[in-house]
Amino acid sequence: MELIARRLESDEWPEASRLMARSLPESLFDRFEALPAAGGIAVGVFTGADILGAARAVPHAGCLCQVELPSDAAHGALDFQAFIRANHPNQRHWFVGPVGVEPGQQGAGIGTAAMRALMNSIVGAGLVCVEAEDDIVTFFERVGFRPTLRTPAPDGSPITFLEAHV
């Protein structure tokens, strides 16, 4: 299977977003659903016309630690935002999330291809931050991130904050 990773056009974002919704547990997707769809950079990994994975990064102004969520945002999103604000670096950074791979295709290098393409798209941006649950920390380490903090999220699950410099 030949994989092609490339930057997504704005009209491709809705399908990428649906893919991420299918690939992430509902509790995780709630953290990202309130983020604005505009802004940042999103990449997709395709085989032919089918999107199999996607990753997105937003600049500091679009990071969950900076944006104002809508008043009707899910309670979990608001709690997670407060958690992010308390634990993100004070300096300007890019925020990665979400990253998703079509269920059933995970473990085939699709997420790695998406993250490499994403990181190449923001070379020169400086500090890049991501948060990960225990089962995917090593994935982010493989694509150049290093852990900086491990602490419980509002729901009690352990979260590792990771950073990279591009």
Protein backbone atom coordinates (compact mmCIF):
# COMPACT_ATOMS: atom_id res chain seq x y z
CA MET A 1 0.00 0.00 0.00
CA GLU A 2 1.54 3.29 -1.10
CA LEU A 3 1.00 6.10 1.39
CA ILE A 4 1.00 9.74 0.33
CA ALA A 5 1.20 12.36 3.08
CA ARG A 6 0.32 15.93 2.17
CA ARG A 7 -1.14 19.12 3.52
CA LEU A 8 -4.94 19.12 3.52
CA GLU A 9 -7.00 21.66 1.65
CA SER A 10 -9.69 23.38 3.71
CA ASP A 11 -12.46 21.41 1.99
CA GLU A 12 -10.76 18.15 3.07
CA TRP A 13 -10.75 19.04 6.77
CA PRO A 14 -14.33 17.84 7.48
CA GLU A 15 -13.51 14.29 6.33
CA ALA A 16 -10.24 14.34 8.28
CA SER A 17 -12.18 15.50 11.33
CA ARG A 18 -14.65 12.63 10.94
CA LEU A 19 -11.73 10.20 10.65
CA MET A 20 -10.30 11.55 13.90
CA ALA A 21 -13.69 11.18 15.57
CA ARG A 22 -13.76 7.51 14.53
CA SER A 23 -10.20 6.90 15.67
CA LEU A 24 -10.22 8.58 19.07
CA PRO A 25 -12.14 7.42 22.12
CA GLU A 26 -15.08 9.76 22.68
CA SER A 27 -13.55 11.01 25.92
CA LEU A 28 -10.48 12.22 24.01
CA PHE A 29 -12.33 13.71 21.04
CA ASP A 30 -14.37 15.88 23.42
CA ARG A 31 -11.12 17.66 24.26
CA PHE A 32 -10.65 18.76 20.66
CA GLU A 33 -14.17 19.23 19.29
CA ALA A 34 -14.44 22.79 20.56
CA LEU A 35 -11.28 23.96 18.79
CA PRO A 36 -11.93 26.23 15.83
CA ALA A 37 -11.71 24.41 12.49
CA ALA A 38 -9.93 27.32 10.83
CA GLY A 39 -6.27 28.08 11.27
CA GLY A 40 -3.24 25.97 11.70
CA ILE A 41 -1.97 23.24 9.44
CA ALA A 42 -3.49 19.83 8.86
CA VAL A 43 -1.99 16.96 6.93
CA GLY A 44 -3.55 13.78 5.69
CA VAL A 45 -2.18 10.41 4.72
CA PHE A 46 -3.85 8.91 1.69
CA THR A 47 -3.85 5.73 -0.31
CA GLY A 48 -5.39 6.75 -3.60
CA ALA A 49 -8.34 9.00 -2.78
CA ASP A 50 -8.93 7.46 0.66
CA ILE A 51 -7.73 9.33 3.73
CA LEU A 52 -6.34 6.93 6.34
CA GLY A 53 -4.82 9.33 8.86
CA ALA A 54 -4.53 12.99 9.73
CA ALA A 55 -2.73 15.31 12.11
CA ARG A 56 -3.19 18.98 12.90
CA ALA A 57 -1.13 21.69 14.54
CA VAL A 58 -2.19 25.20 15.46
CA PRO A 59 -0.01 28.18 16.32
CA HIS A 60 0.04 29.62 19.82
CA ALA A 61 -3.01 31.84 19.27
CA GLY A 62 -5.05 28.75 18.33
CA CYS A 63 -3.76 26.53 21.14
CA LEU A 64 -6.23 25.24 23.69
CA CYS A 65 -4.31 27.25 26.30
CA GLN A 66 -5.15 30.49 24.44
CA VAL A 67 -8.52 30.19 22.68
CA GLU A 68 -11.82 31.08 24.24
CA LEU A 69 -14.09 28.07 24.00
CA PRO A 70 -17.76 28.59 23.23
CA SER A 71 -19.97 28.88 26.29
CA ASP A 72 -21.80 25.72 25.22
CA ALA A 73 -18.60 23.64 24.89
CA ALA A 74 -18.70 20.20 26.47
CA HIS A 75 -17.92 20.26 30.19
CA GLY A 76 -15.00 17.88 29.56
CA ALA A 77 -13.52 20.31 27.03
CA LEU A 78 -13.70 23.19 29.50
CA ASP A 79 -12.09 21.12 32.27
CA PHE A 80 -9.37 19.95 29.92
CA GLN A 81 -8.72 23.53 28.81
CA ALA A 82 -8.14 24.60 32.41
CA PHE A 83 -5.75 21.66 32.80
CA ILE A 84 -3.86 22.66 29.64
CA ARG A 85 -3.66 26.30 30.73
CA ALA A 86 -2.15 25.22 34.05
CA ASN A 87 0.47 22.97 32.42
CA HIS A 88 1.44 24.45 29.05
CA PRO A 89 4.65 26.46 28.72
CA ASN A 90 4.28 30.23 29.00
CA GLN A 91 6.30 30.80 25.84
CA ARG A 92 4.87 30.83 22.32
CA HIS A 93 4.40 27.35 20.91
CA TRP A 94 2.50 25.26 18.40
CA PHE A 95 -0.03 22.71 19.64
CA VAL A 96 -0.47 19.30 17.98
CA GLY A 97 -3.84 17.64 18.13
CA PRO A 98 -5.71 15.75 17.27
CA VAL A 99 -3.84 12.98 15.46
CA GLY A 100 -5.95 10.11 14.17
CA VAL A 101 -5.67 6.95 12.10
CA GLU A 102 -8.56 5.00 10.63
CA PRO A 103 -9.47 2.19 13.04
CA GLY A 104 -8.10 -1.09 11.73
CA GLN A 105 -5.19 0.70 10.03
CA GLN A 106 -3.32 1.64 13.21
CA GLY A 107 0.20 0.27 13.52
CA ALA A 108 0.88 0.49 9.77
CA GLY A 109 3.00 3.67 9.86
CA ILE A 110 0.15 6.01 8.92
CA GLY A 111 0.31 8.09 12.10
CA THR A 112 4.09 8.35 11.79
CA ALA A 113 3.76 9.51 8.18
CA ALA A 114 1.18 12.11 9.24
CA MET A 115 3.33 13.44 12.08
CA ARG A 116 6.48 13.61 9.96
CA ALA A 117 4.62 15.54 7.26
CA LEU A 118 3.08 17.82 9.88
CA MET A 119 6.41 18.54 11.57
CA ASN A 120 8.02 19.21 8.17
CA SER A 121 5.21 21.69 7.46
CA ILE A 122 6.06 23.76 10.54
CA VAL A 123 9.87 23.64 10.45
CA GLY A 124 11.17 26.84 12.00
CA ALA A 125 8.14 27.26 14.25
CA GLY A 126 10.17 26.63 17.40
CA LEU A 127 8.50 24.90 20.33
CA VAL A 128 5.78 22.31 19.59
CA CYS A 129 3.66 20.78 22.37
CA VAL A 130 1.44 17.72 22.57
CA GLU A 131 -0.27 15.78 25.34
CA ALA A 132 -0.57 12.00 25.31
CA GLU A 133 -2.13 9.24 27.30
CA ASP A 134 0.24 6.45 28.35
CA ASP A 135 -0.47 4.16 25.41
CA ILE A 136 0.76 6.67 22.80
CA VAL A 137 3.67 8.42 24.53
CA THR A 138 6.22 6.21 22.73
CA PHE A 139 4.60 7.10 19.39
CA PHE A 140 5.32 10.79 19.98
CA GLU A 141 8.82 10.01 21.23
CA ARG A 142 9.51 8.15 17.94
CA VAL A 143 8.62 11.28 15.96
CA GLY A 144 10.92 13.55 17.98
CA PHE A 145 9.05 14.64 21.11
CA ARG A 146 10.47 14.38 24.63
CA PRO A 147 8.39 14.07 27.79
CA THR A 148 8.44 17.07 30.12
CA LEU A 149 5.67 16.33 32.66
CA ARG A 150 3.36 13.46 33.62
CA THR A 151 0.32 14.38 35.69
CA PRO A 152 -3.32 13.33 36.10
CA ALA A 153 -5.90 14.96 33.83
CA PRO A 154 -9.20 16.19 35.30
CA ASP A 155 -10.73 12.74 34.72
CA GLY A 156 -7.84 11.12 36.62
CA SER A 157 -6.14 9.51 33.63
CA PRO A 158 -2.39 10.13 33.49
CA ILE A 159 -1.30 12.57 30.79
CA THR A 160 2.24 13.15 29.59
CA PHE A 161 3.15 16.54 28.19
CA LEU A 162 5.76 16.33 25.45
CA GLU A 163 7.74 18.94 23.53
CA ALA A 164 9.77 19.10 20.34
CA HIS A 165 11.70 21.89 18.67
CA VAL A 166 11.48 22.39 14.91
